[in-house]
């Protein structure tokens, strides 16, 4: 292949790289336009000195704002409080309403003084998990609004 063949191959390669970079930039900018952040596990230290009290606040607000609100994201879910525990940490379990004895979709757990709240489970990495984390942060700061 002569020099002209190399130049053409080089030009095609550069064009493909530029197109790939443009596509990646477009994908990134579209992802940045999402109205809700992606979820993930949460670890949050709060002002409350009691882990149980911190979870009681979340339980009360969660029942009102998630479970009883009619929000479609929570329609098939139930919250099971495990606050009176002598072994292990107090926690709230988010489970499917038709499988309350099954594995939880999300665990909201608290420990220590001041209390540290953690969330984990398969629901944590979803948009619903992001909503839950946002609500927990708001409620833990004293704002009880939905």
Protein backbone atom coordinates (compact mmCIF):
# COMPACT_ATOMS: atom_id res chain seq x y z
CA UNK A 1 0.00 0.00 0.00
CA UNK A 2 1.40 3.40 -0.96
CA UNK A 3 1.46 6.58 1.10
CA UNK A 4 -1.95 7.59 -0.19
CA UNK A 5 -3.39 4.32 1.18
CA UNK A 6 -1.89 5.01 4.63
CA UNK A 7 -3.20 8.57 4.61
CA UNK A 8 -6.71 7.34 3.74
CA UNK A 9 -6.61 4.71 6.51
CA UNK A 10 -5.33 7.29 8.97
CA UNK A 11 -8.11 9.71 7.99
CA UNK A 12 -10.76 6.98 8.38
CA UNK A 13 -9.39 6.03 11.80
CA UNK A 14 -9.40 9.67 12.95
CA UNK A 15 -12.96 10.11 11.66
CA UNK A 16 -14.13 7.03 13.55
CA UNK A 17 -12.40 8.17 16.73
CA UNK A 18 -13.96 11.62 16.45
CA UNK A 19 -17.41 10.11 15.86
CA UNK A 20 -16.94 7.82 18.88
CA UNK A 21 -15.86 10.76 21.05
CA UNK A 22 -18.88 12.79 19.90
CA UNK A 23 -21.20 9.88 20.71
CA UNK A 24 -19.62 9.48 24.17
CA UNK A 25 -19.99 13.22 24.84
CA UNK A 26 -23.64 13.12 23.77
CA UNK A 27 -24.33 10.08 25.99
CA UNK A 28 -22.65 11.80 28.94
CA UNK A 29 -24.60 15.03 28.44
CA UNK A 30 -27.89 13.13 28.18
CA UNK A 31 -27.11 11.25 31.38
CA UNK A 32 -26.43 14.57 33.09
CA UNK A 33 -29.93 15.77 32.12
CA UNK A 34 -31.71 13.08 34.14
CA UNK A 35 -34.13 14.58 36.63
CA UNK A 36 -33.26 12.05 39.34
CA UNK A 37 -29.85 10.79 40.41
CA UNK A 38 -28.98 7.13 40.32
CA UNK A 39 -29.19 5.35 43.64
CA UNK A 40 -26.57 3.58 45.67
CA UNK A 41 -25.83 2.57 49.24
CA UNK A 42 -26.00 5.40 51.77
CA UNK A 43 -23.97 5.95 54.92
CA UNK A 44 -25.03 9.02 56.85
CA UNK A 45 -24.10 10.21 60.34
CA UNK A 46 -27.01 12.10 61.91
CA UNK A 47 -27.48 14.33 64.96
CA UNK A 48 -29.69 11.78 66.76
CA UNK A 49 -27.88 10.06 69.64
CA UNK A 50 -30.10 6.96 69.51
CA UNK A 51 -30.12 4.60 66.53
CA UNK A 52 -33.68 3.49 67.36
CA UNK A 53 -34.96 7.08 67.50
CA UNK A 54 -33.30 7.86 64.16
CA UNK A 55 -35.09 4.87 62.59
CA UNK A 56 -38.40 5.75 64.27
CA UNK A 57 -38.28 9.11 62.49
CA UNK A 58 -37.62 7.41 59.16
CA UNK A 59 -40.29 4.77 59.83
CA UNK A 60 -42.99 7.38 60.57
CA UNK A 61 -42.15 9.55 57.57
CA UNK A 62 -41.65 6.52 55.30
CA UNK A 63 -45.07 5.12 56.16
CA UNK A 64 -46.65 8.48 55.34
CA UNK A 65 -44.59 9.44 52.29
CA UNK A 66 -43.85 6.05 50.71
CA UNK A 67 -46.18 3.28 51.79
CA UNK A 68 -49.48 5.09 52.39
CA UNK A 69 -48.99 7.85 49.81
CA UNK A 70 -50.19 5.90 46.78
CA UNK A 71 -46.85 6.59 45.05
CA UNK A 72 -46.55 4.01 42.26
CA UNK A 73 -42.91 3.27 43.17
CA UNK A 74 -43.97 1.98 46.58
CA UNK A 75 -47.34 0.45 45.66
CA UNK A 76 -46.13 -3.17 45.91
CA UNK A 77 -43.78 -2.59 48.86
CA UNK A 78 -44.13 -2.78 52.64
CA UNK A 79 -41.88 -1.53 55.40
CA UNK A 80 -41.15 -3.90 58.27
CA UNK A 81 -39.61 -2.27 61.36
CA UNK A 82 -37.19 -4.33 63.45
CA UNK A 83 -36.48 -1.71 66.09
CA UNK A 84 -36.70 -3.75 69.29
CA UNK A 85 -33.70 -5.94 68.79
CA UNK A 86 -31.48 -7.33 71.49
CA UNK A 87 -29.06 -8.89 69.05
CA UNK A 88 -27.84 -6.98 66.03
CA UNK A 89 -28.69 -3.51 64.86
CA UNK A 90 -32.15 -1.94 64.63
CA UNK A 91 -33.33 -1.75 61.06
CA UNK A 92 -36.21 -1.17 58.68
CA UNK A 93 -36.78 -3.67 55.91
CA UNK A 94 -38.42 -2.79 52.61
CA UNK A 95 -40.00 -5.96 51.20
CA UNK A 96 -42.47 -6.91 48.49
CA UNK A 97 -46.00 -6.89 49.93
CA UNK A 98 -46.68 -10.39 48.67
CA UNK A 99 -43.36 -11.77 50.02
CA UNK A 100 -43.01 -10.22 53.46
CA UNK A 101 -41.07 -13.24 54.71
CA UNK A 102 -38.66 -13.16 51.75
CA UNK A 103 -35.35 -11.38 51.42
CA UNK A 104 -35.62 -7.59 51.80
CA UNK A 105 -35.20 -5.38 48.75
CA UNK A 106 -33.66 -2.67 50.93
CA UNK A 107 -32.33 -2.51 54.48
CA UNK A 108 -32.18 0.77 56.38
CA UNK A 109 -29.96 0.18 59.40
CA UNK A 110 -28.73 2.42 62.22
CA UNK A 111 -26.00 2.08 64.81
CA UNK A 112 -23.84 4.08 67.19
CA UNK A 113 -24.12 7.37 69.01
CA UNK A 114 -24.37 9.71 67.20
CA UNK A 115 -26.35 7.41 64.94
CA UNK A 116 -25.06 6.34 61.56
CA UNK A 117 -27.72 5.30 59.07
CA UNK A 118 -26.89 2.90 56.25
CA UNK A 119 -28.94 1.63 53.33
CA UNK A 120 -28.13 -1.41 51.23
CA UNK A 121 -29.77 -4.07 49.11
CA UNK A 122 -30.85 -4.47 45.48
CA UNK A 123 -33.31 -1.56 45.61
CA UNK A 124 -30.49 0.80 46.67
CA UNK A 125 -29.02 0.99 43.16
CA UNK A 126 -32.29 2.09 41.53
CA UNK A 127 -33.98 5.47 41.14
CA UNK A 128 -36.33 4.45 43.94
CA UNK A 129 -33.24 3.86 46.09
CA UNK A 130 -32.02 7.36 45.21
CA UNK A 131 -35.42 8.76 46.26
CA UNK A 132 -35.24 6.82 49.53
CA UNK A 133 -31.73 8.11 50.26
CA UNK A 134 -32.77 11.70 49.50
CA UNK A 135 -35.79 11.40 51.78
CA UNK A 136 -33.72 9.84 54.58
CA UNK A 137 -31.20 12.69 54.40
CA UNK A 138 -33.99 15.28 54.53
CA UNK A 139 -35.88 13.58 57.38
CA UNK A 140 -32.68 13.08 59.38
CA UNK A 141 -31.99 16.81 59.20
CA UNK A 142 -35.37 17.59 60.78
CA UNK A 143 -37.50 18.26 57.68
CA UNK A 144 -40.45 15.81 57.79
CA UNK A 145 -42.01 16.83 54.47
CA UNK A 146 -42.66 14.35 51.71
